[in-house]
Amino acid sequence: MTFSKSDFPHIKWSLLTFLLVLGMSSIIIVASENFVAQSQRDQRNAKRQLSEARSQLATAKEDHENMQTYTLEYNALLKRNVIGNDQRLDWIEGLEKIHKQNRVPGFMEFKYAIAPQKPYIPTPPLDSGNFNLNLSGMTLQFDLLHEGQLIAFFDTLRTDINGWFIIDHCAMERTAATADADDFGIAHQLKAECSGGWLTLKNRNAK
């Protein structure tokens, strides 16, 4: 089919309508594509925000659980007088109680000395957060019948005295049975010397 110029007046309105419809269709197609693309971007953003919200919720739950755990641990340390000032008098009274009440089975004599408190730097270094670590060093000398009494002593020390005692080292040597007999005729078989100290935590913000 061919058209001449004389036919144009008869088809111009149809042609204009066609061009208008074609233009509108193109606009609708482009708009639809943009809408679909924007919807996909919105969906991705919504998924990302949902993922972030879930992650924040999980973190909040974990922080809440950790806070409960840390609160229990903190209160336990407070109860044992580990947090705060050194409890030198309590330690001395506790040691004397162990000695006088014969809390360790069998016969045992010991001497001790507690040094002034000083900052404690563990090896390897430890991140103590908002707390300063302090150590009141203590040396002990024992006359023992057997090595089991030494183990029993430190077990009793940890259960009977509030505080956090750490052992640095112990040295033990055997003695002559007749040379170290006491007034009751009991001969000490071993001598031991141990060093360690009482560890306390002090909040840097505490007044």
N, C-alpha and C. Protein backbone atom coordinates (compact mmCIF):
# COMPACT_ATOMS: atom_id res chain seq x y z
N MET A 1 0.85 -1.19 0.00
CA MET A 1 0.00 0.00 0.00
C MET A 1 0.88 1.24 0.00
N THR A 2 0.51 2.18 -0.88
CA THR A 2 1.27 3.41 -1.00
C THR A 2 0.37 4.59 -0.69
N PHE A 3 1.02 5.66 -0.17
CA PHE A 3 0.28 6.89 0.15
C PHE A 3 0.88 8.05 -0.62
N SER A 4 0.00 8.93 -0.99
CA SER A 4 0.44 10.15 -1.68
C SER A 4 0.12 11.34 -0.79
N LYS A 5 0.62 12.53 -1.20
CA LYS A 5 0.38 13.72 -0.41
C LYS A 5 -1.10 14.04 -0.30
N SER A 6 -1.85 13.65 -1.35
CA SER A 6 -3.29 13.94 -1.30
C SER A 6 -4.01 13.11 -0.25
N ASP A 7 -3.36 12.01 0.17
CA ASP A 7 -3.99 11.15 1.19
C ASP A 7 -3.71 11.63 2.61
N PHE A 8 -2.73 12.50 2.78
CA PHE A 8 -2.31 12.90 4.11
C PHE A 8 -3.40 13.58 4.92
N PRO A 9 -4.19 14.51 4.26
CA PRO A 9 -5.26 15.14 5.05
C PRO A 9 -6.24 14.14 5.61
N HIS A 10 -6.42 13.02 4.93
CA HIS A 10 -7.39 12.03 5.38
C HIS A 10 -6.86 11.16 6.53
N ILE A 11 -5.55 11.03 6.62
CA ILE A 11 -4.99 10.11 7.64
C ILE A 11 -4.21 10.83 8.74
N LYS A 12 -4.15 12.16 8.63
CA LYS A 12 -3.27 12.86 9.57
C LYS A 12 -3.73 12.68 11.02
N TRP A 13 -5.09 12.68 11.23
CA TRP A 13 -5.55 12.52 12.60
C TRP A 13 -5.30 11.11 13.12
N SER A 14 -5.44 10.15 12.23
CA SER A 14 -5.14 8.77 12.62
C SER A 14 -3.65 8.62 12.92
N LEU A 15 -2.85 9.31 12.08
CA LEU A 15 -1.40 9.23 12.28
C LEU A 15 -1.00 9.91 13.58
N LEU A 16 -1.63 11.06 13.84
CA LEU A 16 -1.31 11.76 15.09
C LEU A 16 -1.74 10.93 16.30
N THR A 17 -2.92 10.30 16.15
CA THR A 17 -3.40 9.44 17.25
C THR A 17 -2.45 8.28 17.48
N PHE A 18 -1.98 7.69 16.37
CA PHE A 18 -1.03 6.58 16.47
C PHE A 18 0.25 7.02 17.15
N LEU A 19 0.77 8.18 16.72
CA LEU A 19 2.01 8.68 17.30
C LEU A 19 1.81 9.01 18.79
N LEU A 20 0.64 9.56 19.11
CA LEU A 20 0.36 9.86 20.51
C LEU A 20 0.30 8.60 21.35
N VAL A 21 -0.42 7.59 20.80
CA VAL A 21 -0.51 6.31 21.51
C VAL A 21 0.86 5.68 21.66
N LEU A 22 1.68 5.77 20.58
CA LEU A 22 3.03 5.21 20.63
C LEU A 22 3.87 5.91 21.68
N GLY A 23 3.75 7.26 21.72
CA GLY A 23 4.50 8.02 22.72
C GLY A 23 4.06 7.69 24.13
N MET A 24 2.72 7.60 24.31
CA MET A 24 2.21 7.26 25.63
C MET A 24 2.65 5.85 26.05
N SER A 25 2.64 4.94 25.08
CA SER A 25 3.07 3.57 25.38
C SER A 25 4.53 3.54 25.80
N SER A 26 5.35 4.33 25.08
CA SER A 26 6.77 4.39 25.42
C SER A 26 6.97 4.94 26.83
N ILE A 27 6.17 6.01 27.11
CA ILE A 27 6.27 6.60 28.45
C ILE A 27 5.85 5.61 29.52
N ILE A 28 4.75 4.88 29.25
CA ILE A 28 4.27 3.89 30.22
C ILE A 28 5.28 2.77 30.41
N ILE A 29 5.90 2.32 29.28
CA ILE A 29 6.90 1.25 29.38
C ILE A 29 8.09 1.70 30.20
N VAL A 30 8.58 2.93 29.90
CA VAL A 30 9.73 3.46 30.65
C VAL A 30 9.38 3.64 32.12
N ALA A 31 8.16 4.19 32.36
CA ALA A 31 7.72 4.39 33.74
C ALA A 31 7.59 3.05 34.46
N SER A 32 7.08 2.04 33.76
CA SER A 32 6.94 0.71 34.36
C SER A 32 8.30 0.12 34.71
N GLU A 33 9.25 0.30 33.78
CA GLU A 33 10.60 -0.21 34.04
C GLU A 33 11.22 0.49 35.24
N ASN A 34 11.01 1.83 35.29
CA ASN A 34 11.54 2.59 36.43
C ASN A 34 10.86 2.16 37.73
N PHE A 35 9.54 1.91 37.65
CA PHE A 35 8.80 1.47 38.84
C PHE A 35 9.30 0.12 39.32
N VAL A 36 9.50 -0.78 38.34
CA VAL A 36 10.00 -2.11 38.70
C VAL A 36 11.40 -2.01 39.31
N ALA A 37 12.26 -1.18 38.68
CA ALA A 37 13.62 -1.02 39.21
C ALA A 37 13.59 -0.42 40.61
N GLN A 38 12.73 0.62 40.81
CA GLN A 38 12.62 1.25 42.13
C GLN A 38 12.07 0.27 43.14
N SER A 39 11.10 -0.55 42.72
CA SER A 39 10.53 -1.56 43.62
C SER A 39 11.58 -2.58 44.04
N GLN A 40 12.43 -2.97 43.08
CA GLN A 40 13.50 -3.91 43.40
C GLN A 40 14.50 -3.30 44.37
N ARG A 41 14.82 -1.98 44.13
CA ARG A 41 15.73 -1.30 45.06
C ARG A 41 15.10 -1.19 46.45
N ASP A 42 13.81 -0.86 46.48
CA ASP A 42 13.12 -0.76 47.77
C ASP A 42 13.10 -2.11 48.48
N GLN A 43 12.90 -3.17 47.70
CA GLN A 43 12.88 -4.51 48.29
C GLN A 43 14.25 -4.88 48.87
N ARG A 44 15.31 -4.54 48.10
CA ARG A 44 16.67 -4.82 48.60
C ARG A 44 16.96 -4.01 49.86
N ASN A 45 16.54 -2.73 49.86
CA ASN A 45 16.74 -1.90 51.05
C ASN A 45 15.95 -2.43 52.24
N ALA A 46 14.72 -2.88 51.97
CA ALA A 46 13.90 -3.43 53.04
C ALA A 46 14.53 -4.69 53.63
N LYS A 47 15.07 -5.56 52.74
CA LYS A 47 15.75 -6.77 53.21
C LYS A 47 16.99 -6.42 54.03
N ARG A 48 17.74 -5.41 53.53
CA ARG A 48 18.95 -4.99 54.25
C ARG A 48 18.59 -4.42 55.62
N GLN A 49 17.54 -3.57 55.67
CA GLN A 49 17.13 -3.00 56.94
C GLN A 49 16.60 -4.08 57.90
N LEU A 50 15.89 -5.05 57.33
CA LEU A 50 15.40 -6.16 58.15
C LEU A 50 16.56 -6.97 58.70
N SER A 51 17.56 -7.21 57.86
CA SER A 51 18.75 -7.95 58.31
C SER A 51 19.48 -7.19 59.40
N GLU A 52 19.62 -5.86 59.21
CA GLU A 52 20.28 -5.04 60.22
C GLU A 52 19.49 -5.02 61.52
N ALA A 53 18.16 -4.95 61.40
CA ALA A 53 17.32 -4.95 62.60
C ALA A 53 17.45 -6.27 63.36
N ARG A 54 17.46 -7.37 62.60
CA ARG A 54 17.62 -8.68 63.25
C ARG A 54 18.99 -8.78 63.92
N SER A 55 20.02 -8.26 63.23
CA SER A 55 21.36 -8.29 63.81
C SER A 55 21.43 -7.44 65.07
N GLN A 56 20.82 -6.25 65.04
CA GLN A 56 20.80 -5.39 66.22
C GLN A 56 20.02 -6.04 67.36
N LEU A 57 18.92 -6.72 67.02
CA LEU A 57 18.13 -7.41 68.04
C LEU A 57 18.93 -8.54 68.67
N ALA A 58 19.64 -9.30 67.81
CA ALA A 58 20.47 -10.40 68.32
C ALA A 58 21.58 -9.85 69.21
N THR A 59 22.18 -8.71 68.79
CA THR A 59 23.24 -8.10 69.59
C THR A 59 22.70 -7.61 70.92
N ALA A 60 21.50 -7.00 70.88
CA ALA A 60 20.88 -6.51 72.12
C ALA A 60 20.58 -7.66 73.07
N LYS A 61 20.07 -8.78 72.53
CA LYS A 61 19.81 -9.95 73.38
C LYS A 61 21.10 -10.49 73.98
N GLU A 62 22.16 -10.55 73.14
CA GLU A 62 23.45 -11.05 73.64
C GLU A 62 24.01 -10.12 74.71
N ASP A 63 23.89 -8.79 74.47
CA ASP A 63 24.36 -7.83 75.47
C ASP A 63 23.59 -7.98 76.78
N HIS A 64 22.28 -8.21 76.65
CA HIS A 64 21.45 -8.38 77.85
C HIS A 64 21.87 -9.63 78.62
N GLU A 65 22.10 -10.72 77.89
CA GLU A 65 22.54 -11.96 78.53
C GLU A 65 23.92 -11.78 79.17
N ASN A 66 24.83 -11.09 78.43
CA ASN A 66 26.17 -10.84 78.97
C ASN A 66 26.09 -9.96 80.22
N MET A 67 25.20 -8.96 80.17
CA MET A 67 25.05 -8.08 81.32
C MET A 67 24.58 -8.86 82.54
N GLN A 68 23.65 -9.78 82.33
CA GLN A 68 23.19 -10.60 83.45
C GLN A 68 24.32 -11.46 84.00
N THR A 69 25.10 -12.05 83.07
CA THR A 69 26.23 -12.88 83.49
C THR A 69 27.27 -12.05 84.23
N TYR A 70 27.62 -10.88 83.66
CA TYR A 70 28.62 -10.02 84.29
C TYR A 70 28.14 -9.50 85.63
N THR A 71 26.83 -9.23 85.72
CA THR A 71 26.29 -8.75 87.00
C THR A 71 26.43 -9.81 88.08
N LEU A 72 26.13 -11.06 87.72
CA LEU A 72 26.28 -12.15 88.68
C LEU A 72 27.74 -12.31 89.10
N GLU A 73 28.64 -12.26 88.11
CA GLU A 73 30.07 -12.40 88.42
C GLU A 73 30.55 -11.22 89.26
N TYR A 74 30.10 -10.00 88.91
CA TYR A 74 30.51 -8.81 89.65
C TYR A 74 30.04 -8.89 91.10
N ASN A 75 28.77 -9.28 91.27
CA ASN A 75 28.24 -9.40 92.63
C ASN A 75 28.97 -10.48 93.43
N ALA A 76 29.36 -11.57 92.74
CA ALA A 76 30.10 -12.63 93.43
C ALA A 76 31.46 -12.11 93.89
N LEU A 77 32.12 -11.31 93.05
CA LEU A 77 33.42 -10.73 93.43
C LEU A 77 33.26 -9.73 94.56
N LEU A 78 32.17 -8.95 94.53
CA LEU A 78 31.91 -8.02 95.63
C LEU A 78 31.70 -8.78 96.94
N LYS A 79 30.96 -9.88 96.85
CA LYS A 79 30.68 -10.67 98.06
C LYS A 79 31.95 -11.25 98.65
N ARG A 80 32.91 -11.59 97.79
CA ARG A 80 34.17 -12.16 98.27
C ARG A 80 35.22 -11.09 98.56
N ASN A 81 34.81 -9.80 98.53
CA ASN A 81 35.71 -8.69 98.83
C ASN A 81 36.90 -8.62 97.88
N VAL A 82 36.70 -9.09 96.65
CA VAL A 82 37.76 -9.00 95.67
C VAL A 82 37.79 -7.60 95.05
N ILE A 83 36.62 -6.98 94.91
CA ILE A 83 36.52 -5.63 94.37
C ILE A 83 36.51 -4.64 95.51
N GLY A 84 37.40 -3.65 95.45
CA GLY A 84 37.48 -2.64 96.49
C GLY A 84 38.87 -2.58 97.09
N ASN A 85 38.94 -2.13 98.33
CA ASN A 85 40.23 -2.01 99.02
C ASN A 85 40.69 -3.37 99.53
N ASP A 86 42.00 -3.47 99.79
CA ASP A 86 42.50 -4.73 100.34
C ASP A 86 41.94 -4.95 101.74
N GLN A 87 41.67 -6.21 102.05
CA GLN A 87 41.05 -6.59 103.32
C GLN A 87 42.11 -7.25 104.21
N ARG A 88 43.16 -6.51 104.50
CA ARG A 88 44.30 -7.06 105.24
C ARG A 88 43.89 -7.64 106.59
N LEU A 89 43.06 -6.93 107.32
CA LEU A 89 42.66 -7.40 108.64
C LEU A 89 41.87 -8.71 108.53
N ASP A 90 40.97 -8.80 107.55
CA ASP A 90 40.20 -10.03 107.36
C ASP A 90 41.11 -11.20 107.01
N TRP A 91 42.12 -10.94 106.19
CA TRP A 91 43.05 -12.01 105.80
C TRP A 91 43.83 -12.51 107.03
N ILE A 92 44.29 -11.57 107.84
CA ILE A 92 45.06 -11.95 109.04
C ILE A 92 44.18 -12.75 110.00
N GLU A 93 42.96 -12.26 110.22
CA GLU A 93 42.05 -12.98 111.12
C GLU A 93 41.72 -14.37 110.57
N GLY A 94 41.54 -14.46 109.25
CA GLY A 94 41.25 -15.76 108.66
C GLY A 94 42.41 -16.73 108.79
N LEU A 95 43.62 -16.26 108.60
CA LEU A 95 44.80 -17.11 108.73
C LEU A 95 44.96 -17.58 110.18
N GLU A 96 44.74 -16.68 111.13
CA GLU A 96 44.84 -17.06 112.53
C GLU A 96 43.76 -18.08 112.90
N LYS A 97 42.58 -17.92 112.30
CA LYS A 97 41.50 -18.87 112.57
C LYS A 97 41.86 -20.25 112.05
N ILE A 98 42.42 -20.31 110.86
CA ILE A 98 42.85 -21.60 110.30
C ILE A 98 43.86 -22.26 111.22
N HIS A 99 44.77 -21.44 111.76
CA HIS A 99 45.84 -21.97 112.62
C HIS A 99 45.28 -22.43 113.97
N LYS A 100 44.51 -21.56 114.64
CA LYS A 100 44.06 -21.84 116.00
C LYS A 100 43.00 -22.95 116.04
N GLN A 101 42.15 -23.00 115.05
CA GLN A 101 41.08 -23.99 115.05
C GLN A 101 41.50 -25.30 114.39
N ASN A 102 42.77 -25.39 114.00
CA ASN A 102 43.30 -26.62 113.41
C ASN A 102 42.41 -27.09 112.26
N ARG A 103 42.13 -26.14 111.32
CA ARG A 103 41.23 -26.45 110.22
C ARG A 103 41.84 -27.42 109.22
N VAL A 104 43.17 -27.58 109.25
CA VAL A 104 43.84 -28.53 108.37
C VAL A 104 44.10 -29.81 109.16
N PRO A 105 43.62 -30.96 108.68
CA PRO A 105 43.81 -32.21 109.41
C PRO A 105 45.29 -32.48 109.70
N GLY A 106 45.56 -32.99 110.88
CA GLY A 106 46.94 -33.29 111.25
C GLY A 106 47.62 -32.07 111.86
N PHE A 107 48.89 -32.21 112.10
CA PHE A 107 49.65 -31.15 112.74
C PHE A 107 50.35 -30.29 111.70
N MET A 108 50.27 -28.96 111.90
CA MET A 108 50.95 -28.07 110.97
C MET A 108 51.22 -26.74 111.66
N GLU A 109 52.41 -26.20 111.44
CA GLU A 109 52.75 -24.86 111.90
C GLU A 109 53.08 -24.03 110.67
N PHE A 110 52.74 -22.74 110.72
CA PHE A 110 53.12 -21.87 109.60
C PHE A 110 53.33 -20.44 110.10
N LYS A 111 54.17 -19.74 109.38
CA LYS A 111 54.41 -18.33 109.61
C LYS A 111 54.13 -17.60 108.29
N TYR A 112 53.70 -16.35 108.39
CA TYR A 112 53.37 -15.63 107.17
C TYR A 112 53.70 -14.14 107.33
N ALA A 113 53.81 -13.46 106.21
CA ALA A 113 54.03 -12.02 106.18
C ALA A 113 53.32 -11.46 104.96
N ILE A 114 52.55 -10.39 105.16
CA ILE A 114 51.82 -9.76 104.07
C ILE A 114 52.47 -8.41 103.75
N ALA A 115 52.89 -8.23 102.52
CA ALA A 115 53.57 -7.01 102.10
C ALA A 115 52.55 -5.93 101.74
N PRO A 116 53.00 -4.67 101.69
CA PRO A 116 52.08 -3.60 101.27
C PRO A 116 51.56 -3.83 99.85
N GLN A 117 50.39 -3.34 99.62
CA GLN A 117 49.76 -3.52 98.30
C GLN A 117 50.50 -2.70 97.24
N LYS A 118 50.56 -3.27 96.03
CA LYS A 118 51.18 -2.57 94.91
C LYS A 118 50.49 -3.00 93.61
N PRO A 119 50.63 -2.19 92.56
CA PRO A 119 50.00 -2.56 91.27
C PRO A 119 50.52 -3.90 90.79
N TYR A 120 49.61 -4.65 90.18
CA TYR A 120 49.94 -5.99 89.69
C TYR A 120 49.84 -6.02 88.17
N ILE A 121 50.91 -6.46 87.52
CA ILE A 121 50.93 -6.60 86.07
C ILE A 121 51.14 -8.07 85.75
N PRO A 122 50.08 -8.76 85.32
CA PRO A 122 50.21 -10.20 85.04
C PRO A 122 51.01 -10.45 83.77
N THR A 123 51.52 -11.66 83.66
CA THR A 123 52.24 -12.10 82.47
C THR A 123 51.54 -13.33 81.91
N PRO A 124 51.04 -13.28 80.65
CA PRO A 124 51.05 -12.12 79.75
C PRO A 124 50.09 -11.05 80.23
N PRO A 125 50.24 -9.81 79.70
CA PRO A 125 49.37 -8.71 80.13
C PRO A 125 47.90 -9.04 79.94
N LEU A 126 47.08 -8.52 80.84
CA LEU A 126 45.64 -8.80 80.83
C LEU A 126 44.87 -7.49 80.77
N ASP A 127 43.89 -7.43 79.87
CA ASP A 127 43.03 -6.25 79.79
C ASP A 127 42.02 -6.30 80.94
N SER A 128 42.21 -5.45 81.92
CA SER A 128 41.36 -5.46 83.10
C SER A 128 40.21 -4.48 82.99
N GLY A 129 40.00 -3.92 81.80
CA GLY A 129 38.87 -3.03 81.60
C GLY A 129 38.97 -1.78 82.45
N ASN A 130 37.94 -1.51 83.22
CA ASN A 130 37.87 -0.29 84.02
C ASN A 130 38.42 -0.49 85.44
N PHE A 131 39.18 -1.57 85.63
CA PHE A 131 39.68 -1.88 86.96
C PHE A 131 41.21 -1.88 86.99
N ASN A 132 41.76 -1.39 88.10
CA ASN A 132 43.18 -1.53 88.37
C ASN A 132 43.41 -2.81 89.16
N LEU A 133 44.45 -3.57 88.78
CA LEU A 133 44.80 -4.79 89.50
C LEU A 133 45.85 -4.47 90.55
N ASN A 134 45.61 -4.89 91.78
CA ASN A 134 46.56 -4.68 92.87
C ASN A 134 46.85 -6.01 93.55
N LEU A 135 48.06 -6.12 94.05
CA LEU A 135 48.47 -7.36 94.72
C LEU A 135 49.12 -7.05 96.06
N SER A 136 48.62 -7.70 97.10
CA SER A 136 49.27 -7.66 98.41
C SER A 136 50.04 -8.96 98.57
N GLY A 137 51.34 -8.90 98.32
CA GLY A 137 52.16 -10.10 98.33
C GLY A 137 52.21 -10.76 99.71
N MET A 138 52.26 -12.09 99.72
CA MET A 138 52.34 -12.81 100.98
C MET A 138 53.31 -13.98 100.85
N THR A 139 54.15 -14.15 101.86
CA THR A 139 55.05 -15.30 101.93
C THR A 139 54.63 -16.16 103.12
N LEU A 140 54.76 -17.47 102.97
CA LEU A 140 54.40 -18.40 104.04
C LEU A 140 55.50 -19.42 104.22
N GLN A 141 55.75 -19.81 105.47
CA GLN A 141 56.70 -20.86 105.80
C GLN A 141 55.97 -21.92 106.61
N PHE A 142 56.13 -23.17 106.22
CA PHE A 142 55.39 -24.28 106.82
C PHE A 142 56.34 -25.32 107.39
N ASP A 143 55.92 -25.95 108.50
CA ASP A 143 56.50 -27.20 108.99
C ASP A 143 55.42 -28.25 108.79
N LEU A 144 55.70 -29.27 107.99
CA LEU A 144 54.67 -30.22 107.58
C LEU A 144 55.04 -31.65 107.93
N LEU A 145 54.01 -32.46 108.12
CA LEU A 145 54.22 -33.89 108.25
C LEU A 145 54.25 -34.56 106.88
N HIS A 146 53.45 -34.03 105.96
CA HIS A 146 53.43 -34.56 104.59
C HIS A 146 52.91 -33.48 103.66
N GLU A 147 53.14 -33.66 102.34
CA GLU A 147 52.78 -32.63 101.37
C GLU A 147 51.27 -32.44 101.24
N GLY A 148 50.49 -33.43 101.62
CA GLY A 148 49.04 -33.28 101.54
C GLY A 148 48.51 -32.15 102.41
N GLN A 149 49.22 -31.87 103.51
CA GLN A 149 48.79 -30.78 104.38
C GLN A 149 48.89 -29.42 103.68
N LEU A 150 49.88 -29.28 102.80
CA LEU A 150 50.05 -28.02 102.07
C LEU A 150 48.86 -27.80 101.13
N ILE A 151 48.48 -28.85 100.42
CA ILE A 151 47.33 -28.76 99.52
C ILE A 151 46.06 -28.46 100.32
N ALA A 152 45.91 -29.16 101.47
CA ALA A 152 44.73 -28.95 102.31
C ALA A 152 44.68 -27.51 102.84
N PHE A 153 45.84 -26.95 103.15
CA PHE A 153 45.89 -25.58 103.66
C PHE A 153 45.35 -24.59 102.63
N PHE A 154 45.84 -24.68 101.39
CA PHE A 154 45.40 -23.73 100.38
C PHE A 154 43.94 -23.94 100.00
N ASP A 155 43.46 -25.18 100.05
CA ASP A 155 42.03 -25.43 99.83
C ASP A 155 41.21 -24.75 100.92
N THR A 156 41.66 -24.87 102.16
CA THR A 156 40.95 -24.25 103.28
C THR A 156 41.03 -22.74 103.20
N LEU A 157 42.17 -22.22 102.78
CA LEU A 157 42.34 -20.77 102.65
C LEU A 157 41.32 -20.20 101.66
N ARG A 158 41.13 -20.89 100.55
CA ARG A 158 40.23 -20.39 99.51
C ARG A 158 38.77 -20.48 99.93
N THR A 159 38.42 -21.48 100.74
CA THR A 159 37.02 -21.65 101.14
C THR A 159 36.67 -20.85 102.39
N ASP A 160 37.64 -20.61 103.27
CA ASP A 160 37.35 -19.98 104.56
C ASP A 160 37.60 -18.48 104.59
N ILE A 161 38.39 -17.96 103.67
CA ILE A 161 38.73 -16.54 103.70
C ILE A 161 38.23 -15.87 102.43
N ASN A 162 37.49 -14.78 102.60
CA ASN A 162 37.06 -14.00 101.44
C ASN A 162 38.27 -13.32 100.81
N GLY A 163 38.36 -13.43 99.50
CA GLY A 163 39.49 -12.83 98.80
C GLY A 163 39.88 -13.70 97.62
N TRP A 164 40.84 -13.23 96.90
CA TRP A 164 41.34 -13.95 95.72
C TRP A 164 42.83 -14.12 95.88
N PHE A 165 43.22 -15.29 96.35
CA PHE A 165 44.63 -15.57 96.60
C PHE A 165 45.22 -16.33 95.41
N ILE A 166 46.37 -15.87 94.95
CA ILE A 166 47.06 -16.56 93.86
C ILE A 166 48.42 -17.03 94.36
N ILE A 167 48.81 -18.22 93.96
CA ILE A 167 50.10 -18.79 94.35
C ILE A 167 51.12 -18.54 93.25
N ASP A 168 52.25 -18.00 93.64
CA ASP A 168 53.33 -17.78 92.69
C ASP A 168 54.18 -19.05 92.57
N HIS A 169 54.75 -19.48 93.70
CA HIS A 169 55.51 -20.74 93.68
C HIS A 169 55.66 -21.26 95.10
N CYS A 170 55.99 -22.54 95.19
CA CYS A 170 56.27 -23.18 96.48
C CYS A 170 57.55 -24.02 96.34
N ALA A 171 58.36 -23.97 97.38
CA ALA A 171 59.57 -24.80 97.44
C ALA A 171 59.46 -25.67 98.68
N MET A 172 59.85 -26.93 98.55
CA MET A 172 59.68 -27.88 99.65
C MET A 172 60.97 -28.69 99.80
N GLU A 173 61.32 -28.96 101.06
CA GLU A 173 62.50 -29.79 101.31
C GLU A 173 62.25 -30.70 102.50
N ARG A 174 62.89 -31.84 102.51
CA ARG A 174 62.73 -32.81 103.58
C ARG A 174 63.69 -32.47 104.72
N THR A 175 63.22 -32.66 105.95
CA THR A 175 64.04 -32.36 107.12
C THR A 175 64.38 -33.64 107.87
N ALA A 176 65.38 -33.56 108.77
CA ALA A 176 65.75 -34.72 109.58
C ALA A 176 64.65 -34.96 110.61
N ALA A 177 64.22 -36.19 110.77
CA ALA A 177 63.08 -36.53 111.62
C ALA A 177 63.31 -36.15 113.07
N THR A 178 64.54 -36.30 113.57
CA THR A 178 64.79 -36.04 114.99
C THR A 178 65.10 -34.58 115.25
N ALA A 179 65.54 -33.88 114.25
CA ALA A 179 65.98 -32.50 114.48
C ALA A 179 64.81 -31.56 114.70
N ASP A 180 63.63 -31.86 114.09
CA ASP A 180 62.53 -30.91 114.13
C ASP A 180 61.36 -31.41 114.97
N ALA A 181 61.60 -32.28 115.93
CA ALA A 181 60.51 -32.75 116.78
C ALA A 181 60.03 -31.60 117.65
N ASP A 182 58.70 -31.47 117.81
CA ASP A 182 58.16 -30.37 118.62
C ASP A 182 58.02 -30.82 120.07
N ASP A 183 57.33 -30.00 120.88
CA ASP A 183 57.21 -30.29 122.31
C ASP A 183 56.42 -31.56 122.59
N PHE A 184 55.63 -32.00 121.61
CA PHE A 184 54.82 -33.20 121.79
C PHE A 184 55.48 -34.44 121.19
N GLY A 185 56.72 -34.27 120.72
CA GLY A 185 57.43 -35.40 120.16
C GLY A 185 57.08 -35.71 118.73
N ILE A 186 56.32 -34.79 118.08
CA ILE A 186 55.96 -35.00 116.68
C ILE A 186 57.04 -34.41 115.79
N ALA A 187 57.57 -35.21 114.92
CA ALA A 187 58.67 -34.76 114.06
C ALA A 187 58.13 -34.27 112.73
N HIS A 188 58.51 -33.06 112.35
CA HIS A 188 58.15 -32.52 111.05
C HIS A 188 59.02 -33.16 109.98
N GLN A 189 58.40 -33.65 108.94
CA GLN A 189 59.13 -34.31 107.87
C GLN A 189 59.54 -33.36 106.74
N LEU A 190 58.77 -32.25 106.61
CA LEU A 190 58.99 -31.35 105.48
C LEU A 190 58.97 -29.90 105.93
N LYS A 191 59.70 -29.08 105.20
CA LYS A 191 59.62 -27.63 105.32
C LYS A 191 59.23 -27.10 103.95
N ALA A 192 58.34 -26.13 103.94
CA ALA A 192 57.89 -25.55 102.67
C ALA A 192 57.87 -24.04 102.80
N GLU A 193 58.18 -23.38 101.71
CA GLU A 193 58.09 -21.92 101.65
C GLU A 193 57.36 -21.56 100.36
N CYS A 194 56.30 -20.78 100.50
CA CYS A 194 55.47 -20.42 99.34
C CYS A 194 55.33 -18.90 99.27
N SER A 195 55.14 -18.43 98.07
CA SER A 195 54.89 -17.00 97.87
C SER A 195 53.72 -16.84 96.92
N GLY A 196 53.00 -15.77 97.11
CA GLY A 196 51.84 -15.45 96.28
C GLY A 196 51.31 -14.12 96.71
N GLY A 197 50.00 -13.99 96.73
CA GLY A 197 49.44 -12.72 97.18
C GLY A 197 47.95 -12.66 97.00
N TRP A 198 47.39 -11.62 97.59
CA TRP A 198 45.96 -11.35 97.53
C TRP A 198 45.70 -10.32 96.45
N LEU A 199 44.90 -10.72 95.46
CA LEU A 199 44.60 -9.86 94.32
C LEU A 199 43.29 -9.13 94.56
N THR A 200 43.30 -7.82 94.36
CA THR A 200 42.08 -7.02 94.48
C THR A 200 41.91 -6.15 93.24
N LEU A 201 40.65 -5.85 92.92
CA LEU A 201 40.31 -5.02 91.77
C LEU A 201 39.73 -3.70 92.29
N LYS A 202 40.23 -2.59 91.75
CA LYS A 202 39.74 -1.27 92.17
C LYS A 202 39.23 -0.52 90.96
N ASN A 203 37.96 -0.14 91.01
CA ASN A 203 37.34 0.61 89.92
C ASN A 203 38.03 1.96 89.79
N ARG A 204 38.49 2.27 88.57
CA ARG A 204 39.20 3.52 88.36
C ARG A 204 38.32 4.74 88.60
N ASN A 205 37.01 4.58 88.46
CA ASN A 205 36.08 5.70 88.63
C ASN A 205 35.57 5.82 90.06
N ALA A 206 35.95 4.86 90.90
CA ALA A 206 35.46 4.91 92.29
C ALA A 206 36.15 6.03 93.04
N LYS A 207 35.38 6.72 93.86
CA LYS A 207 35.94 7.83 94.64
C LYS A 207 36.47 7.32 95.97
